[in-house]
Protein backbone atom coordinates (compact mmCIF):
# COMPACT_ATOMS: atom_id res chain seq x y z
CA UNK A 1 0.00 0.00 0.00
CA UNK A 2 1.49 3.29 -1.07
CA UNK A 3 1.85 6.42 1.02
CA UNK A 4 -0.84 8.18 -0.99
CA UNK A 5 -3.37 5.46 -0.11
CA UNK A 6 -2.45 5.73 3.55
CA UNK A 7 -3.05 9.46 3.44
CA UNK A 8 -6.29 8.84 1.52
CA UNK A 9 -7.52 6.54 4.27
CA UNK A 10 -6.47 9.12 6.85
CA UNK A 11 -8.43 11.79 4.92
CA UNK A 12 -11.56 9.60 5.02
CA UNK A 13 -11.21 9.00 8.78
CA UNK A 14 -10.56 12.71 9.37
CA UNK A 15 -13.65 13.61 7.34
CA UNK A 16 -15.89 11.33 9.39
CA UNK A 17 -14.43 12.59 12.67
CA UNK A 18 -14.96 16.22 11.59
CA UNK A 19 -18.54 15.55 10.58
CA UNK A 20 -19.36 14.08 13.98
CA UNK A 21 -18.31 17.24 15.85
CA UNK A 22 -21.11 19.82 16.20
CA UNK A 23 -20.75 23.01 14.18
CA UNK A 24 -22.52 26.36 14.01
CA UNK A 25 -22.05 26.84 10.25
CA UNK A 26 -23.27 23.39 9.16
CA UNK A 27 -19.68 22.16 8.66
CA UNK A 28 -18.94 24.39 5.64
CA UNK A 29 -15.55 25.60 6.91
CA UNK A 30 -14.50 22.02 7.49
CA UNK A 31 -15.76 21.06 4.03
CA UNK A 32 -13.58 23.78 2.48
CA UNK A 33 -10.53 22.43 4.34
CA UNK A 34 -11.33 18.87 3.27
CA UNK A 35 -11.71 19.99 -0.35
CA UNK A 36 -8.41 21.89 -0.20
CA UNK A 37 -6.67 18.79 1.14
CA UNK A 38 -8.60 16.30 -0.98
CA UNK A 39 -7.91 17.62 -4.48
CA UNK A 40 -4.09 17.38 -4.30
CA UNK A 41 -4.47 14.05 -2.51
CA UNK A 42 -6.68 12.73 -5.32
CA UNK A 43 -4.11 13.81 -7.91
CA UNK A 44 -1.35 12.12 -5.91
CA UNK A 45 -3.38 8.91 -5.67
CA UNK A 46 -4.05 8.90 -9.44
CA UNK A 47 -0.36 9.48 -10.24
CA UNK A 48 0.87 6.74 -7.91
CA UNK A 49 -1.87 4.12 -8.25
CA UNK A 50 -3.70 4.74 -11.50
CA UNK A 51 -7.07 5.98 -12.66
CA UNK A 52 -9.18 3.12 -11.29
CA UNK A 53 -7.98 3.60 -7.71
CA UNK A 54 -8.34 7.35 -8.16
CA UNK A 55 -11.92 6.89 -9.31
CA UNK A 56 -12.72 4.80 -6.25
CA UNK A 57 -11.21 7.47 -4.01
CA UNK A 58 -13.10 10.23 -5.85
CA UNK A 59 -16.36 8.35 -5.25
CA UNK A 60 -15.45 8.06 -1.56
CA UNK A 61 -14.75 11.79 -1.45
CA UNK A 62 -18.06 12.46 -3.14
CA UNK A 63 -19.91 10.42 -0.55
CA UNK A 64 -18.36 12.49 2.22
CA UNK A 65 -18.73 15.87 0.49
CA UNK A 66 -22.12 15.30 -1.10
CA UNK A 67 -23.64 18.69 -0.20
CA UNK A 68 -20.87 20.83 -1.70
CA UNK A 69 -21.11 18.71 -4.85
CA UNK A 70 -24.90 19.09 -4.92
CA UNK A 71 -24.78 22.88 -4.51
CA UNK A 72 -22.02 23.17 -7.13
CA UNK A 73 -24.18 21.19 -9.53
CA UNK A 74 -27.16 23.46 -8.85
CA UNK A 75 -25.00 26.57 -9.38
CA UNK A 76 -23.60 25.30 -12.69
CA UNK A 77 -27.05 24.23 -13.88
CA UNK A 78 -28.47 27.64 -12.99
CA UNK A 79 -25.68 29.38 -14.94
CA UNK A 80 -26.45 27.41 -18.11
CA UNK A 81 -30.26 27.64 -17.94
C-alpha atoms as a PDB file:
ATOM      1  CA  UNK A   1       0.000   0.000   0.000  1.00  0.00           C
ATOM      2  CA  UNK A   2       1.492   3.293  -1.075  1.00  0.00           C
ATOM      3  CA  UNK A   3       1.852   6.422   1.016  1.00  0.00           C
ATOM      4  CA  UNK A   4      -0.844   8.177  -0.994  1.00  0.00           C
ATOM      5  CA  UNK A   5      -3.371   5.465  -0.112  1.00  0.00           C
ATOM      6  CA  UNK A   6      -2.450   5.727   3.554  1.00  0.00           C
ATOM      7  CA  UNK A   7      -3.053   9.464   3.436  1.00  0.00           C
ATOM      8  CA  UNK A   8      -6.290   8.836   1.523  1.00  0.00           C
ATOM      9  CA  UNK A   9      -7.524   6.538   4.272  1.00  0.00           C
ATOM     10  CA  UNK A  10      -6.465   9.120   6.852  1.00  0.00           C
ATOM     11  CA  UNK A  11      -8.427  11.786   4.923  1.00  0.00           C
ATOM     12  CA  UNK A  12     -11.559   9.601   5.021  1.00  0.00           C
ATOM     13  CA  UNK A  13     -11.207   8.998   8.778  1.00  0.00           C
ATOM     14  CA  UNK A  14     -10.561  12.711   9.375  1.00  0.00           C
ATOM     15  CA  UNK A  15     -13.653  13.608   7.344  1.00  0.00           C
ATOM     16  CA  UNK A  16     -15.890  11.325   9.389  1.00  0.00           C
ATOM     17  CA  UNK A  17     -14.435  12.592  12.674  1.00  0.00           C
ATOM     18  CA  UNK A  18     -14.959  16.221  11.595  1.00  0.00           C
ATOM     19  CA  UNK A  19     -18.544  15.547  10.578  1.00  0.00           C
ATOM     20  CA  UNK A  20     -19.363  14.075  13.984  1.00  0.00           C
ATOM     21  CA  UNK A  21     -18.309  17.245  15.854  1.00  0.00           C
ATOM     22  CA  UNK A  22     -21.113  19.825  16.199  1.00  0.00           C
ATOM     23  CA  UNK A  23     -20.753  23.006  14.180  1.00  0.00           C
ATOM     24  CA  UNK A  24     -22.516  26.362  14.014  1.00  0.00           C
ATOM     25  CA  UNK A  25     -22.045  26.836  10.252  1.00  0.00           C
ATOM     26  CA  UNK A  26     -23.272  23.388   9.155  1.00  0.00           C
ATOM     27  CA  UNK A  27     -19.682  22.161   8.656  1.00  0.00           C
ATOM     28  CA  UNK A  28     -18.942  24.385   5.638  1.00  0.00           C
ATOM     29  CA  UNK A  29     -15.549  25.604   6.910  1.00  0.00           C
ATOM     30  CA  UNK A  30     -14.500  22.017   7.489  1.00  0.00           C
ATOM     31  CA  UNK A  31     -15.756  21.063   4.031  1.00  0.00           C
ATOM     32  CA  UNK A  32     -13.580  23.776   2.479  1.00  0.00           C
ATOM     33  CA  UNK A  33     -10.529  22.434   4.342  1.00  0.00           C
ATOM     34  CA  UNK A  34     -11.326  18.873   3.271  1.00  0.00           C
ATOM     35  CA  UNK A  35     -11.707  19.986  -0.353  1.00  0.00           C
ATOM     36  CA  UNK A  36      -8.405  21.889  -0.202  1.00  0.00           C
ATOM     37  CA  UNK A  37      -6.667  18.786   1.138  1.00  0.00           C
ATOM     38  CA  UNK A  38      -8.603  16.296  -0.981  1.00  0.00           C
ATOM     39  CA  UNK A  39      -7.913  17.615  -4.480  1.00  0.00           C
ATOM     40  CA  UNK A  40      -4.087  17.375  -4.296  1.00  0.00           C
ATOM     41  CA  UNK A  41      -4.467  14.045  -2.515  1.00  0.00           C
ATOM     42  CA  UNK A  42      -6.684  12.735  -5.321  1.00  0.00           C
ATOM     43  CA  UNK A  43      -4.112  13.813  -7.911  1.00  0.00           C
ATOM     44  CA  UNK A  44      -1.346  12.117  -5.911  1.00  0.00           C
ATOM     45  CA  UNK A  45      -3.379   8.910  -5.675  1.00  0.00           C
ATOM     46  CA  UNK A  46      -4.050   8.902  -9.436  1.00  0.00           C
ATOM     47  CA  UNK A  47      -0.364   9.476 -10.236  1.00  0.00           C
ATOM     48  CA  UNK A  48       0.875   6.737  -7.907  1.00  0.00           C
ATOM     49  CA  UNK A  49      -1.874   4.122  -8.247  1.00  0.00           C
ATOM     50  CA  UNK A  50      -3.698   4.736 -11.500  1.00  0.00           C
ATOM     51  CA  UNK A  51      -7.068   5.985 -12.665  1.00  0.00           C
ATOM     52  CA  UNK A  52      -9.176   3.121 -11.285  1.00  0.00           C
ATOM     53  CA  UNK A  53      -7.978   3.595  -7.714  1.00  0.00           C
ATOM     54  CA  UNK A  54      -8.336   7.348  -8.163  1.00  0.00           C
ATOM     55  CA  UNK A  55     -11.917   6.893  -9.314  1.00  0.00           C
ATOM     56  CA  UNK A  56     -12.716   4.799  -6.247  1.00  0.00           C
ATOM     57  CA  UNK A  57     -11.210   7.466  -4.009  1.00  0.00           C
ATOM     58  CA  UNK A  58     -13.100  10.232  -5.853  1.00  0.00           C
ATOM     59  CA  UNK A  59     -16.363   8.350  -5.248  1.00  0.00           C
ATOM     60  CA  UNK A  60     -15.450   8.056  -1.557  1.00  0.00           C
ATOM     61  CA  UNK A  61     -14.749  11.791  -1.449  1.00  0.00           C
ATOM     62  CA  UNK A  62     -18.061  12.456  -3.135  1.00  0.00           C
ATOM     63  CA  UNK A  63     -19.905  10.420  -0.548  1.00  0.00           C
ATOM     64  CA  UNK A  64     -18.356  12.491   2.223  1.00  0.00           C
ATOM     65  CA  UNK A  65     -18.730  15.870   0.492  1.00  0.00           C
ATOM     66  CA  UNK A  66     -22.120  15.302  -1.103  1.00  0.00           C
ATOM     67  CA  UNK A  67     -23.642  18.689  -0.203  1.00  0.00           C
ATOM     68  CA  UNK A  68     -20.866  20.831  -1.705  1.00  0.00           C
ATOM     69  CA  UNK A  69     -21.111  18.714  -4.851  1.00  0.00           C
ATOM     70  CA  UNK A  70     -24.903  19.093  -4.922  1.00  0.00           C
ATOM     71  CA  UNK A  71     -24.781  22.877  -4.513  1.00  0.00           C
ATOM     72  CA  UNK A  72     -22.018  23.173  -7.129  1.00  0.00           C
ATOM     73  CA  UNK A  73     -24.176  21.187  -9.530  1.00  0.00           C
ATOM     74  CA  UNK A  74     -27.156  23.460  -8.851  1.00  0.00           C
ATOM     75  CA  UNK A  75     -25.001  26.573  -9.383  1.00  0.00           C
ATOM     76  CA  UNK A  76     -23.602  25.305 -12.695  1.00  0.00           C
ATOM     77  CA  UNK A  77     -27.050  24.229 -13.879  1.00  0.00           C
ATOM     78  CA  UNK A  78     -28.471  27.636 -12.990  1.00  0.00           C
ATOM     79  CA  UNK A  79     -25.679  29.383 -14.937  1.00  0.00           C
ATOM     80  CA  UNK A  80     -26.447  27.411 -18.107  1.00  0.00           C
ATOM     81  CA  UNK A  81     -30.261  27.643 -17.944  1.00  0.00           C
END
